[in-house]
Amino acid sequence: MSQIILITGATSGIGRHAALHLARQGHRVIATGRRRAALDSLRAEAGEHWVRCVPMDVTDLASIDAARTSVDQLTDGHGVDVLINNAGFGQGGAVLDVDPADVAAQYHTNVFGLLCVTRAFAPAMIGRGHGKIVNVSSLGGRLTLPMMGVYTSTKFAVEALSDALRIELAPLGVHVAVVQPGSIRTEFNQTMQGTTRKVERTGPWAAVYDHTDRVATAFEQYSSGPIVISRVLARIVNARRPRARYFAPFRESVLMILGTWLPTRVTDFVLARVFGVTSARPHAPALTQAWEAP
């Protein structure tokens, strides 16, 4: 049965691929994002399939409100049947190396943005007594990775919020599911490495960054394409009662075991060596940046 699906962050990567995949399955897809040119390109690629593009910045309340108005017009007041909160980016770097402004930007997009979009589109689902909310988390929402602590902390927040929403919305007929992608071959990896390069590499972890760059490049070579996540999203959309969590690709499930079942000391030992954190050297960083409230 055709459903109306809204996807955030649909201008690239998983979001763009999923928008096209779901539209080709016969669903009506509303793709949102900040870059109008990328949205126009997506609409052109969709061809005869039902895809409508609505500009939306998840960090801007006025933009979200305007998008909701546009969606109401496109759907004759029905709203969306499925909300896929996909918008997000990765901030690399040792926790103490990341500028506070970059930490705030990471949370504004990955956490606060997700909440604001959900608050905008969930009420219509609650009013009808049915709907689905799918939050795209990460392997990093279950397993904290060194040199990516800020990013993975936002995904832990997404997991916790999703768990609460799932329980709170279940009696109202709204299902909440989490998708946890592993290493996926998209622009996300380049963006993550770009944020890492911005970090000042003069502190205790200076020697770690080169090693981390090599690890990221190695992971990229063996990454799966975004189709594995698009297929998972399609399963959730078509499911009568979706599961709480979905992880893909399956071959990386050993990493989930690492983060879930092994003793913490063992996990720490393995991750420290994989990411080269053992090469950190004593050096007192000048942590002078001022923290400001979001």
Foldseek 3Di string as FASTA:
>chain_A
DAFEEEEEPCLWALNVVLQLLNQVVPYAYEYEEADPVSQVVSVVVSPPTHYHYQYADLLDLVRLLVRLVVQCVVVVNQAGQEYEYDWAAFAFFAPLQAFLVVLVVRCSTLPVSLVSNCVSGVVSCLVVLAHEYEYEAALLLQAPAGRRNSNSVSSVNVLVVQVVCQVVCVVSHYHYAYEHEYFEQICRLVRNLVNHVVTDLPAQCNVLNVLQVVLSVVSNVVHHYSVFVSVVVVCVVPDPHDDRYHYDDPVCCVSSCLRPPDDPVVSCVVSCVNSVVVSGDHDDDDSPRDNDDD
